[in-house]
Amino acid sequence: MSKNALRLAGAAAILLISTYVTLAQAGGETDRGFRYYHGPGMMWGGDQWGGFGMVLGPIFMILVLIGVVAGTVYLLKVFGTAAAGSKENGGDGKALNILKERYARGEIDSKEFEERKRLLAD
């Protein structure tokens, strides 16, 4: 597999895991005969968490938030700024642009420009 395919698979895995964690918190329907239960023990004595819903719920939400942020940062790193200046995607690269600017300002002569340009091409 190519490097980009592995990166894309990693990003998809992060997205799927965060989606699974989010959906796991939704839980199933209760058997109380109506949609919402507002009686005694609605937060501590529920069927699904066994009393730990108020502790584990925020922890899972923080994990989901960290997963979304990490996935976004990862995708931006892989497909965003990295692709903007690379030679493989048609760009000249940042170093060559700086070299051209220095040549245009007259800081280096044509001989030094060509030598450094050749070194950058390698």
C-alpha atoms as a PDB file:
ATOM      1  CA  MET A   1       0.000   0.000   0.000  1.00  0.00           C
ATOM      2  CA  SER A   2       1.149   3.511  -0.665  1.00  0.00           C
ATOM      3  CA  LYS A   3       1.817   6.051   2.049  1.00  0.00           C
ATOM      4  CA  ASN A   4      -1.292   8.089   1.228  1.00  0.00           C
ATOM      5  CA  ALA A   5      -3.481   4.987   1.294  1.00  0.00           C
ATOM      6  CA  LEU A   6      -2.184   4.107   4.753  1.00  0.00           C
ATOM      7  CA  ARG A   7      -2.805   7.640   5.958  1.00  0.00           C
ATOM      8  CA  LEU A   8      -6.319   7.582   4.566  1.00  0.00           C
ATOM      9  CA  ALA A   9      -6.984   4.228   6.236  1.00  0.00           C
ATOM     10  CA  GLY A  10      -5.711   5.627   9.556  1.00  0.00           C
ATOM     11  CA  ALA A  11      -7.975   8.656   9.250  1.00  0.00           C
ATOM     12  CA  ALA A  12     -10.944   6.413   8.447  1.00  0.00           C
ATOM     13  CA  ALA A  13     -10.173   4.247  11.471  1.00  0.00           C
ATOM     14  CA  ILE A  14     -10.097   7.294  13.746  1.00  0.00           C
ATOM     15  CA  LEU A  15     -13.421   8.464  12.322  1.00  0.00           C
ATOM     16  CA  LEU A  16     -15.032   5.038  12.758  1.00  0.00           C
ATOM     17  CA  ILE A  17     -13.805   4.667  16.333  1.00  0.00           C
ATOM     18  CA  SER A  18     -15.074   8.101  17.335  1.00  0.00           C
ATOM     19  CA  THR A  19     -18.425   7.377  15.664  1.00  0.00           C
ATOM     20  CA  TYR A  20     -18.684   4.041  17.478  1.00  0.00           C
ATOM     21  CA  VAL A  21     -17.940   5.656  20.841  1.00  0.00           C
ATOM     22  CA  THR A  22     -20.581   8.313  20.190  1.00  0.00           C
ATOM     23  CA  LEU A  23     -23.210   5.758  19.190  1.00  0.00           C
ATOM     24  CA  ALA A  24     -22.356   3.492  22.113  1.00  0.00           C
ATOM     25  CA  GLN A  25     -23.436   6.248  24.480  1.00  0.00           C
ATOM     26  CA  ALA A  26     -26.906   6.400  22.940  1.00  0.00           C
ATOM     27  CA  GLY A  27     -27.813   3.014  24.414  1.00  0.00           C
ATOM     28  CA  GLY A  28     -30.964   1.060  23.778  1.00  0.00           C
ATOM     29  CA  GLU A  29     -34.605   1.559  24.586  1.00  0.00           C
ATOM     30  CA  THR A  30     -35.759   0.925  28.123  1.00  0.00           C
ATOM     31  CA  ASP A  31     -38.627  -1.421  28.875  1.00  0.00           C
ATOM     32  CA  ARG A  32     -40.576   1.082  30.973  1.00  0.00           C
ATOM     33  CA  GLY A  33     -43.272   1.544  28.354  1.00  0.00           C
ATOM     34  CA  PHE A  34     -42.560   5.200  27.569  1.00  0.00           C
ATOM     35  CA  ARG A  35     -39.729   7.067  25.922  1.00  0.00           C
ATOM     36  CA  TYR A  36     -38.228   9.104  28.759  1.00  0.00           C
ATOM     37  CA  TYR A  37     -37.853   8.027  32.353  1.00  0.00           C
ATOM     38  CA  HIS A  38     -37.940  10.839  34.911  1.00  0.00           C
ATOM     39  CA  GLY A  39     -38.503   8.805  38.024  1.00  0.00           C
ATOM     40  CA  PRO A  40     -36.319   7.940  40.991  1.00  0.00           C
ATOM     41  CA  GLY A  41     -32.831   6.830  40.052  1.00  0.00           C
ATOM     42  CA  MET A  42     -33.011   8.265  36.560  1.00  0.00           C
ATOM     43  CA  MET A  43     -29.310   9.130  36.707  1.00  0.00           C
ATOM     44  CA  TRP A  44     -27.842   6.679  39.188  1.00  0.00           C
ATOM     45  CA  GLY A  45     -30.100   3.654  39.016  1.00  0.00           C
ATOM     46  CA  GLY A  46     -30.493   3.225  35.267  1.00  0.00           C
ATOM     47  CA  ASP A  47     -30.370  -0.134  33.526  1.00  0.00           C
ATOM     48  CA  GLN A  48     -27.519   0.564  31.132  1.00  0.00           C
ATOM     49  CA  TRP A  49     -24.614   1.933  33.162  1.00  0.00           C
ATOM     50  CA  GLY A  50     -25.341   0.448  36.542  1.00  0.00           C
ATOM     51  CA  GLY A  51     -24.887   3.792  38.289  1.00  0.00           C
ATOM     52  CA  PHE A  52     -21.717   4.887  36.516  1.00  0.00           C
ATOM     53  CA  GLY A  53     -23.353   6.889  33.723  1.00  0.00           C
ATOM     54  CA  MET A  54     -22.581  10.249  35.265  1.00  0.00           C
ATOM     55  CA  VAL A  55     -18.915   9.284  35.651  1.00  0.00           C
ATOM     56  CA  LEU A  56     -18.300   7.438  32.390  1.00  0.00           C
ATOM     57  CA  GLY A  57     -20.454   9.693  30.197  1.00  0.00           C
ATOM     58  CA  PRO A  58     -18.230  12.785  30.456  1.00  0.00           C
ATOM     59  CA  ILE A  59     -15.109  10.651  30.069  1.00  0.00           C
ATOM     60  CA  PHE A  60     -16.441   9.201  26.817  1.00  0.00           C
ATOM     61  CA  MET A  61     -17.442  12.645  25.586  1.00  0.00           C
ATOM     62  CA  ILE A  62     -13.929  13.931  26.265  1.00  0.00           C
ATOM     63  CA  LEU A  63     -12.512  10.925  24.387  1.00  0.00           C
ATOM     64  CA  VAL A  64     -14.807  11.649  21.443  1.00  0.00           C
ATOM     65  CA  LEU A  65     -13.726  15.295  21.415  1.00  0.00           C
ATOM     66  CA  ILE A  66     -10.052  14.298  21.543  1.00  0.00           C
ATOM     67  CA  GLY A  67     -10.655  11.824  18.714  1.00  0.00           C
ATOM     68  CA  VAL A  68     -12.337  14.432  16.522  1.00  0.00           C
ATOM     69  CA  VAL A  69      -9.605  17.004  17.153  1.00  0.00           C
ATOM     70  CA  ALA A  70      -6.826  14.447  16.593  1.00  0.00           C
ATOM     71  CA  GLY A  71      -8.490  13.233  13.396  1.00  0.00           C
ATOM     72  CA  THR A  72      -8.892  16.773  12.091  1.00  0.00           C
ATOM     73  CA  VAL A  73      -5.290  17.659  12.875  1.00  0.00           C
ATOM     74  CA  TYR A  74      -4.109  14.427  11.264  1.00  0.00           C
ATOM     75  CA  LEU A  75      -6.112  15.029   8.093  1.00  0.00           C
ATOM     76  CA  LEU A  76      -4.892  18.619   7.844  1.00  0.00           C
ATOM     77  CA  LYS A  77      -1.330  17.477   8.334  1.00  0.00           C
ATOM     78  CA  VAL A  78      -1.599  14.763   5.702  1.00  0.00           C
ATOM     79  CA  PHE A  79      -3.706  16.446   3.038  1.00  0.00           C
ATOM     80  CA  GLY A  80      -3.556  20.135   3.890  1.00  0.00           C
ATOM     81  CA  THR A  81      -0.316  21.968   4.510  1.00  0.00           C
ATOM     82  CA  ALA A  82       1.948  19.075   3.490  1.00  0.00           C
ATOM     83  CA  ALA A  83       0.515  19.000  -0.022  1.00  0.00           C
ATOM     84  CA  ALA A  84       0.672  22.760  -0.551  1.00  0.00           C
ATOM     85  CA  GLY A  85       4.408  23.133  -1.060  1.00  0.00           C
ATOM     86  CA  SER A  86       5.668  19.711  -2.054  1.00  0.00           C
ATOM     87  CA  LYS A  87       7.349  19.096  -5.401  1.00  0.00           C
ATOM     88  CA  GLU A  88       5.267  15.973  -6.004  1.00  0.00           C
ATOM     89  CA  ASN A  89       2.069  18.022  -6.232  1.00  0.00           C
ATOM     90  CA  GLY A  90       3.367  20.583  -8.723  1.00  0.00           C
ATOM     91  CA  GLY A  91       4.698  23.121  -6.215  1.00  0.00           C
ATOM     92  CA  ASP A  92       8.255  24.437  -6.251  1.00  0.00           C
ATOM     93  CA  GLY A  93       8.838  23.842  -2.583  1.00  0.00           C
ATOM     94  CA  LYS A  94       9.486  26.411   0.108  1.00  0.00           C
ATOM     95  CA  ALA A  95      13.293  26.346  -0.130  1.00  0.00           C
ATOM     96  CA  LEU A  96      13.292  27.045  -3.861  1.00  0.00           C
ATOM     97  CA  ASN A  97      10.855  29.930  -3.402  1.00  0.00           C
ATOM     98  CA  ILE A  98      13.131  31.477  -0.776  1.00  0.00           C
ATOM     99  CA  LEU A  99      16.111  31.021  -3.094  1.00  0.00           C
ATOM    100  CA  LYS A 100      14.253  32.757  -5.927  1.00  0.00           C
ATOM    101  CA  GLU A 101      13.317  35.639  -3.637  1.00  0.00           C
ATOM    102  CA  ARG A 102      16.935  36.083  -2.526  1.00  0.00           C
ATOM    103  CA  TYR A 103      18.058  36.082  -6.166  1.00  0.00           C
ATOM    104  CA  ALA A 104      15.404  38.634  -7.087  1.00  0.00           C
ATOM    105  CA  ARG A 105      16.484  40.928  -4.232  1.00  0.00           C
ATOM    106  CA  GLY A 106      20.103  40.690  -5.376  1.00  0.00           C
ATOM    107  CA  GLU A 107      21.412  38.962  -2.257  1.00  0.00           C
ATOM    108  CA  ILE A 108      23.028  36.196  -4.334  1.00  0.00           C
ATOM    109  CA  ASP A 109      24.486  36.202  -7.844  1.00  0.00           C
ATOM    110  CA  SER A 110      23.458  33.943 -10.721  1.00  0.00           C
ATOM    111  CA  LYS A 111      26.328  31.494 -10.201  1.00  0.00           C
ATOM    112  CA  GLU A 112      25.397  30.919  -6.548  1.00  0.00           C
ATOM    113  CA  PHE A 113      21.704  30.744  -7.489  1.00  0.00           C
ATOM    114  CA  GLU A 114      22.309  28.002 -10.068  1.00  0.00           C
ATOM    115  CA  GLU A 115      24.563  26.037  -7.698  1.00  0.00           C
ATOM    116  CA  ARG A 116      22.044  26.118  -4.860  1.00  0.00           C
ATOM    117  CA  LYS A 117      19.188  25.352  -7.224  1.00  0.00           C
ATOM    118  CA  ARG A 118      21.084  22.272  -8.453  1.00  0.00           C
ATOM    119  CA  LEU A 119      21.684  21.164  -4.841  1.00  0.00           C
ATOM    120  CA  LEU A 120      17.989  21.544  -4.040  1.00  0.00           C
ATOM    121  CA  ALA A 121      17.012  19.475  -7.065  1.00  0.00           C
ATOM    122  CA  ASP A 122      19.002  16.484  -5.766  1.00  0.00           C
END
